[in-house]
Amino acid sequence: MQKRKVIIDCDPGIDDSLAILLALNSPELDVVGITVCSGNVPAKLGAKNALKALQMCSSLDIPVYLGEEYPLKRELVTAQDTHGEDGLGENFYEEIKEAIVNEGGVDFIIDTLIKEENVSIIALGPLTNIAKALMKDKEAFKNLDEFVSMGGAFRIHGNCSPVAEFNYWVDPHGADYVYKNLSKKIHMVGLDVTRKIVLTPNIIEFINRLDKDMAAFITEITRFYVDFHWEQEKVIGCVINDPLAVAYFIDRSICSGFESFVEVVEDGVAMGQSIVDSFDFYKKESNAIVLTEVDEKKFMYMFLKRLFKGYESIIDSVEGVI
C-alpha cells in the first residue's frame, strides 16, 4: 500500500489530539509534519499539546511547527472553556522534553508543497496558516493533492453562534480567503456530519477494558469535554469533530455530500457563517464538496480498531456499545 503524504494543520485541543492519534495509527497515511495555529488554545500551547499526542504514539520524530498566533484581522478568541486551560481537559501533563517545537509553520507548508509530490493537507483548526501560506506563495499550492477542512455548517446550527462553526468563526477572513483562492476544491467536513460523532459513556467504559495507556489518555482528556457538552448541550458524552476529517480522508465512503460554491461571512452578526450556495444562486464554479451524510458507526469502528490494535475481534463482537 502506498501511503499518502499529509500535513496536519491543527489547534490542539482535545479532538485535534484524538485526530492526530487516529492519523498516526492509520497505515494509509504518512504524516510529514504538524503545523499549529491558534484556535482552541493559543498556538504555542497547542504545539506543546501536539507533542503529547505524538508521544502517545511513539512518533516524536514527526516535526511540529508553530504557525500563526493570531487570526488575520479579528482578535483571538480561544475555546479554553471547552477544552480546559491547558487544552487537554486540565490534566496539566508534563511538557515533552524529548522533542522541540520548530518555528515557521507557514514556511514549512510552502516548502513541503514545493519539494514533495502529492502532499495533502488535513486542516483541523482555523485556516489562518493556510491563508498566510496562500498569500505568500499561491504557486506552491498548485502541487497540493487534496485539502480537507474540518469547519463550517450548512443546514445545522453553529456551535459558537446561531450560524457559525468555531474554526471559521475564529478567523473568518482566513477561511473566506482560502475558499476563494485555493485551486483545489475544499472537502468541507462541517457540523452537519461531525455532530453525529459522539464519544459516549458506553464507549469510554468499553475502551477502559482494552489498552490501559491509550484508554487512560482518552478518558482523561475527554472528561472535561464530556462535562462541557452536558452543561451546554445536554449531550451525554462528547462530540469529537476532528477525527472525522481524518477518517473521511482515508475512507470516502464514511461521508457523502455535494459540490457547491461556499464563502464565509467575515463580519457582523453572521461572522464565520459558511454560506453554501446549494441552489446555485450565484452561478459561480463550485469550490467545495460539502458533506451532509455520515455513517457514524463505520467511523467509530475505524477509530476504535486503529487506536486499540489487537482488540479488533472484541470490538466487532461486543454489542450495544457503538
Protein backbone atom coordinates (compact mmCIF):
# COMPACT_ATOMS: atom_id res chain seq x y z
CA MET A 1 0.00 0.00 0.00
CA GLN A 2 1.34 3.42 -0.98
CA LYS A 3 0.97 5.86 1.89
CA ARG A 4 -0.50 9.29 1.25
CA LYS A 5 1.63 12.18 2.48
CA VAL A 6 -0.26 14.65 4.64
CA ILE A 7 0.35 17.78 6.66
CA ILE A 8 -1.98 18.06 9.65
CA ASP A 9 -2.75 21.70 10.38
CA CYS A 10 -4.43 21.99 13.76
CA ASP A 11 -5.04 23.76 17.08
CA PRO A 12 -4.86 21.02 19.77
CA GLY A 13 -7.38 20.87 21.53
CA ILE A 14 -8.95 17.64 22.73
CA ASP A 15 -10.50 16.44 19.48
CA ASP A 16 -7.45 17.56 17.47
CA SER A 17 -5.36 15.30 19.70
CA LEU A 18 -7.71 12.39 19.03
CA ALA A 19 -7.47 13.10 15.30
CA ILE A 20 -3.67 13.04 15.48
CA LEU A 21 -3.83 9.68 17.28
CA LEU A 22 -6.07 8.31 14.52
CA ALA A 23 -3.79 9.62 11.77
CA LEU A 24 -0.66 8.15 13.34
CA ASN A 25 -2.34 4.78 13.75
CA SER A 26 -3.52 4.66 10.13
CA PRO A 27 -1.20 2.78 7.75
CA GLU A 28 -2.59 4.70 4.77
CA LEU A 29 -1.04 7.97 5.97
CA ASP A 30 2.47 9.36 6.07
CA VAL A 31 2.25 12.39 8.36
CA VAL A 32 5.15 14.55 7.17
CA GLY A 33 4.57 17.30 9.72
CA ILE A 34 2.14 19.02 12.03
CA THR A 35 1.56 22.77 11.87
CA VAL A 36 -0.26 24.63 14.60
CA CYS A 37 -2.23 27.86 14.72
CA SER A 38 -4.22 29.49 17.48
CA GLY A 39 -7.82 28.43 17.93
CA ASN A 40 -8.90 26.09 20.68
CA VAL A 41 -5.84 27.33 22.57
CA PRO A 42 -3.02 29.76 21.77
CA ALA A 43 -0.66 28.31 19.17
CA LYS A 44 2.34 27.86 21.47
CA LEU A 45 0.26 25.80 23.87
CA GLY A 46 -1.33 23.85 21.02
CA ALA A 47 2.10 22.94 19.66
CA LYS A 48 3.11 21.52 23.03
CA ASN A 49 -0.10 19.51 23.08
CA ALA A 50 0.69 18.12 19.63
CA LEU A 51 3.93 16.74 21.05
CA LYS A 52 1.96 14.95 23.75
CA ALA A 53 -0.18 13.22 21.12
CA LEU A 54 2.94 12.25 19.19
CA GLN A 55 4.49 10.80 22.32
CA MET A 56 1.41 8.62 22.87
CA CYS A 57 2.18 7.00 19.52
CA SER A 58 5.98 6.93 19.88
CA SER A 59 6.16 9.34 16.93
CA LEU A 60 8.19 12.26 18.24
CA ASP A 61 10.28 12.08 15.06
CA ILE A 62 7.42 13.82 13.21
CA PRO A 63 8.16 17.56 13.25
CA VAL A 64 5.80 20.06 14.87
CA TYR A 65 5.84 23.65 13.61
CA LEU A 66 4.49 26.76 15.28
CA GLY A 67 2.35 28.74 12.87
CA GLU A 68 0.28 31.89 13.21
CA GLU A 69 -0.56 33.06 16.72
CA TYR A 70 -3.36 35.44 15.72
CA PRO A 71 -6.19 35.45 13.16
CA LEU A 72 -5.75 37.60 10.05
CA LYS A 73 -7.81 40.52 11.34
CA ARG A 74 -10.02 39.81 14.32
CA GLU A 75 -8.96 39.47 17.95
CA LEU A 76 -8.16 35.92 19.02
CA VAL A 77 -10.88 34.13 20.97
CA THR A 78 -9.93 30.65 22.22
CA ALA A 79 -12.10 27.73 23.36
CA GLN A 80 -10.40 27.02 26.65
CA ASP A 81 -13.81 26.98 28.31
CA THR A 82 -14.46 23.89 26.19
CA HIS A 83 -11.04 22.21 26.17
CA GLY A 84 -9.65 23.37 29.50
CA GLU A 85 -6.98 25.94 30.24
CA ASP A 86 -4.27 23.55 29.07
CA GLY A 87 -6.30 22.44 26.05
CA LEU A 88 -6.25 18.83 27.23
CA GLY A 89 -9.01 18.74 29.79
CA GLU A 90 -7.00 20.42 32.55
CA ASN A 91 -4.83 17.40 33.19
CA PHE A 92 -1.72 19.60 33.04
CA TYR A 93 0.57 16.89 31.74
CA GLU A 94 4.32 17.40 31.98
CA GLU A 95 5.87 19.05 28.95
CA ILE A 96 7.63 16.82 26.44
CA LYS A 97 11.38 17.32 26.66
CA GLU A 98 12.44 14.73 24.10
CA ALA A 99 11.36 16.90 21.15
CA ILE A 100 11.11 20.56 20.26
CA VAL A 101 8.58 22.80 18.57
CA ASN A 102 10.03 24.30 15.39
CA GLU A 103 9.38 27.83 14.19
CA GLY A 104 7.98 28.69 10.77
CA GLY A 105 4.82 26.69 10.24
CA VAL A 106 3.71 28.72 7.22
CA ASP A 107 7.09 28.31 5.52
CA PHE A 108 7.05 24.59 6.27
CA ILE A 109 3.73 24.25 4.44
CA ILE A 110 5.05 26.13 1.42
CA ASP A 111 8.43 24.35 1.34
CA THR A 112 6.81 20.92 1.67
CA LEU A 113 4.40 21.60 -1.19
CA ILE A 114 7.28 22.76 -3.38
CA LYS A 115 9.67 19.90 -2.57
CA GLU A 116 7.28 16.95 -2.18
CA GLU A 117 4.84 15.49 -4.67
CA ASN A 118 1.24 14.57 -3.87
CA VAL A 119 1.03 16.16 -0.44
CA SER A 120 -2.43 16.76 1.03
CA ILE A 121 -3.46 18.95 3.94
CA ILE A 122 -5.96 17.98 6.62
CA ALA A 123 -6.89 21.23 8.38
CA LEU A 124 -8.49 20.70 11.77
CA GLY A 125 -8.47 24.27 13.07
CA PRO A 126 -8.91 27.84 11.86
CA LEU A 127 -7.47 28.35 8.36
CA THR A 128 -5.01 31.07 9.36
CA ASN A 129 -1.85 29.14 8.47
CA ILE A 130 -3.28 28.10 5.12
CA ALA A 131 -4.41 31.64 4.28
CA LYS A 132 -0.98 33.05 5.16
CA ALA A 133 0.77 30.40 3.08
CA LEU A 134 -1.52 31.10 0.12
CA MET A 135 -0.85 34.82 0.40
CA LYS A 136 2.87 34.21 0.48
CA ASP A 137 3.14 31.65 -2.34
CA LYS A 138 -0.02 30.69 -4.18
CA GLU A 139 2.02 28.86 -6.83
CA ALA A 140 3.16 26.28 -4.27
CA PHE A 141 -0.44 25.15 -3.81
CA LYS A 142 -0.64 24.00 -7.42
CA ASN A 143 1.21 20.92 -6.16
CA LEU A 144 -1.41 20.25 -3.47
CA ASP A 145 -3.10 16.88 -3.84
CA GLU A 146 -6.23 17.34 -1.69
CA PHE A 147 -7.48 19.67 1.02
CA VAL A 148 -9.83 18.62 3.82
CA SER A 149 -11.13 21.19 6.29
CA MET A 150 -12.99 20.42 9.50
CA GLY A 151 -15.13 23.51 9.61
CA GLY A 152 -18.34 25.17 8.65
CA ALA A 153 -22.01 24.36 8.96
CA PHE A 154 -24.62 24.05 6.23
CA ARG A 155 -28.14 23.19 7.46
CA ILE A 156 -27.33 22.79 11.12
CA HIS A 157 -26.90 25.45 13.81
CA GLY A 158 -23.46 26.70 14.79
CA ASN A 159 -21.51 25.91 17.93
CA CYS A 160 -20.31 29.40 18.82
CA SER A 161 -23.12 31.48 17.33
CA PRO A 162 -26.52 30.55 15.88
CA VAL A 163 -24.92 30.14 12.45
CA ALA A 164 -21.15 29.78 12.80
CA GLU A 165 -18.86 26.85 13.45
CA PHE A 166 -15.92 27.63 15.73
CA ASN A 167 -12.94 27.22 13.37
CA TYR A 168 -14.35 29.57 10.74
CA TRP A 169 -15.66 31.95 13.41
CA VAL A 170 -12.19 32.31 14.98
CA ASP A 171 -10.69 33.50 11.69
CA PRO A 172 -13.47 34.24 9.20
CA HIS A 173 -11.18 36.33 7.00
CA GLY A 174 -8.70 33.48 6.75
CA ALA A 175 -11.40 30.94 5.98
CA ASP A 176 -13.01 33.09 3.28
CA TYR A 177 -9.63 33.80 1.70
CA VAL A 178 -8.84 30.08 1.47
CA TYR A 179 -12.22 29.22 -0.05
CA LYS A 180 -11.83 31.93 -2.66
CA ASN A 181 -8.17 31.36 -3.53
CA LEU A 182 -7.34 27.68 -3.16
CA SER A 183 -7.06 25.98 -6.54
CA LYS A 184 -8.42 22.67 -5.22
CA LYS A 185 -11.96 22.01 -4.08
CA ILE A 186 -12.19 22.03 -0.29
CA HIS A 187 -13.73 19.00 1.35
CA MET A 188 -15.85 20.72 4.00
CA VAL A 189 -16.27 18.37 6.95
CA GLY A 190 -18.71 20.54 8.87
CA LEU A 191 -21.02 20.28 11.84
CA ASP A 192 -23.71 18.62 9.72
CA VAL A 193 -21.65 15.43 9.91
CA THR A 194 -19.33 15.90 12.89
CA ARG A 195 -22.17 16.48 15.38
CA LYS A 196 -23.14 12.87 14.86
CA ILE A 197 -19.76 11.62 16.08
CA VAL A 198 -20.25 11.24 19.82
CA LEU A 199 -17.89 9.53 22.22
CA THR A 200 -20.45 8.10 24.64
CA PRO A 201 -20.01 6.90 28.24
CA ASN A 202 -20.54 3.34 26.95
CA ILE A 203 -17.63 3.66 24.54
CA ILE A 204 -15.39 5.25 27.19
CA GLU A 205 -16.19 2.45 29.64
CA PHE A 206 -15.56 -0.12 26.90
CA ILE A 207 -12.12 1.13 25.89
CA ASN A 208 -11.01 1.04 29.51
CA ARG A 209 -11.40 -2.75 29.26
CA LEU A 210 -8.84 -2.71 26.46
CA ASP A 211 -5.44 -0.98 26.22
CA LYS A 212 -4.93 0.82 29.52
CA ASP A 213 -2.49 3.55 28.44
CA MET A 214 -4.40 4.72 25.38
CA ALA A 215 -7.74 4.40 27.16
CA ALA A 216 -6.47 6.36 30.16
CA PHE A 217 -5.27 9.22 27.93
CA ILE A 218 -8.54 9.40 26.01
CA THR A 219 -10.62 9.18 29.18
CA GLU A 220 -8.58 11.84 30.96
CA ILE A 221 -8.60 14.42 28.19
CA THR A 222 -12.29 13.95 27.34
CA ARG A 223 -13.66 14.09 30.90
CA PHE A 224 -13.68 17.91 30.86
CA TYR A 225 -15.17 17.80 27.36
CA VAL A 226 -17.97 15.48 28.50
CA ASP A 227 -18.86 17.82 31.36
CA PHE A 228 -18.90 20.79 28.98
CA HIS A 229 -21.20 19.06 26.50
CA TRP A 230 -23.66 18.18 29.23
CA GLU A 231 -23.74 21.69 30.65
CA GLN A 232 -24.03 23.40 27.27
CA GLU A 233 -25.98 20.99 25.08
CA LYS A 234 -27.30 18.22 27.35
CA VAL A 235 -25.33 15.71 25.27
CA ILE A 236 -24.34 12.57 27.18
CA GLY A 237 -20.76 12.10 26.01
CA CYS A 238 -18.82 14.48 23.81
CA VAL A 239 -18.77 15.37 20.14
CA ILE A 240 -15.36 14.61 18.64
CA ASN A 241 -15.32 16.64 15.44
CA ASP A 242 -11.77 16.46 14.15
CA PRO A 243 -11.16 12.70 13.91
CA LEU A 244 -13.95 12.50 11.33
CA ALA A 245 -11.91 14.66 8.93
CA VAL A 246 -9.03 12.19 9.15
CA ALA A 247 -11.30 9.17 8.78
CA TYR A 248 -13.03 10.70 5.75
CA PHE A 249 -9.69 11.44 4.11
CA ILE A 250 -8.79 7.77 4.48
CA ASP A 251 -12.19 6.30 3.53
CA ARG A 252 -14.54 8.45 1.43
CA SER A 253 -17.42 6.03 1.96
CA ILE A 254 -17.79 7.31 5.55
CA CYS A 255 -19.28 10.61 4.39
CA SER A 256 -21.10 11.93 1.35
CA GLY A 257 -22.25 15.32 0.12
CA PHE A 258 -22.39 17.57 -2.90
CA GLU A 259 -20.34 20.18 -4.73
CA SER A 260 -21.16 23.85 -4.20
CA PHE A 261 -19.76 27.34 -4.09
CA VAL A 262 -19.02 28.34 -0.50
CA GLU A 263 -17.98 31.63 1.06
CA VAL A 264 -17.51 32.65 4.68
CA VAL A 265 -19.05 35.77 6.24
CA GLU A 266 -16.25 37.96 7.54
CA ASP A 267 -18.03 40.43 9.82
CA GLY A 268 -21.30 41.23 11.55
CA VAL A 269 -23.91 39.14 13.28
CA ALA A 270 -23.30 36.19 10.93
CA MET A 271 -19.49 36.32 11.22
CA GLY A 272 -17.99 32.92 10.48
CA GLN A 273 -21.07 31.50 8.80
CA SER A 274 -20.33 29.28 5.82
CA ILE A 275 -22.71 30.32 3.06
CA VAL A 276 -23.38 27.26 0.90
CA ASP A 277 -24.93 28.14 -2.46
CA SER A 278 -26.75 24.83 -2.76
CA PHE A 279 -29.29 26.25 -5.24
CA ASP A 280 -26.63 27.90 -7.42
CA PHE A 281 -27.95 31.42 -7.00
CA TYR A 282 -24.51 32.94 -7.61
CA LYS A 283 -23.81 30.88 -10.74
CA LYS A 284 -20.22 30.52 -9.58
CA GLU A 285 -17.98 27.50 -10.06
CA SER A 286 -18.08 25.16 -7.07
CA ASN A 287 -15.10 25.45 -4.75
CA ALA A 288 -16.13 22.88 -2.15
CA ILE A 289 -17.52 19.45 -1.50
CA VAL A 290 -19.98 19.96 1.35
CA LEU A 291 -20.52 16.83 3.41
CA THR A 292 -24.06 16.21 4.65
CA GLU A 293 -24.30 12.50 5.46
CA VAL A 294 -22.13 10.30 7.67
CA ASP A 295 -22.02 6.66 8.68
CA GLU A 296 -21.21 7.26 12.33
CA LYS A 297 -20.90 3.57 13.18
CA LYS A 298 -18.44 2.97 10.37
CA PHE A 299 -16.38 5.88 11.66
CA MET A 300 -16.42 4.65 15.25
CA TYR A 301 -15.38 1.13 14.31
CA MET A 302 -12.44 2.57 12.36
CA PHE A 303 -11.49 4.88 15.22
CA LEU A 304 -11.55 2.17 17.88
CA LYS A 305 -9.89 -0.57 15.84
CA ARG A 306 -6.99 1.67 14.91
CA LEU A 307 -6.36 3.14 18.33
CA PHE A 308 -6.79 -0.24 20.01
CA LYS A 309 -4.87 -2.59 17.75
CA GLY A 310 -5.05 -6.21 18.77
CA TYR A 311 -8.58 -5.87 20.08
CA GLU A 312 -10.36 -5.80 16.73
CA SER A 313 -12.27 -9.05 17.27
CA ILE A 314 -13.51 -7.89 20.66
CA ILE A 315 -14.60 -4.54 19.20
CA ASP A 316 -16.53 -6.40 16.49
CA SER A 317 -18.17 -8.85 18.88
CA VAL A 318 -19.41 -6.58 21.66
CA GLU A 319 -22.99 -5.45 21.08
CA GLY A 320 -24.68 -2.26 22.24
CA VAL A 321 -21.50 -0.20 22.65
CA ILE A 322 -21.32 1.64 19.33
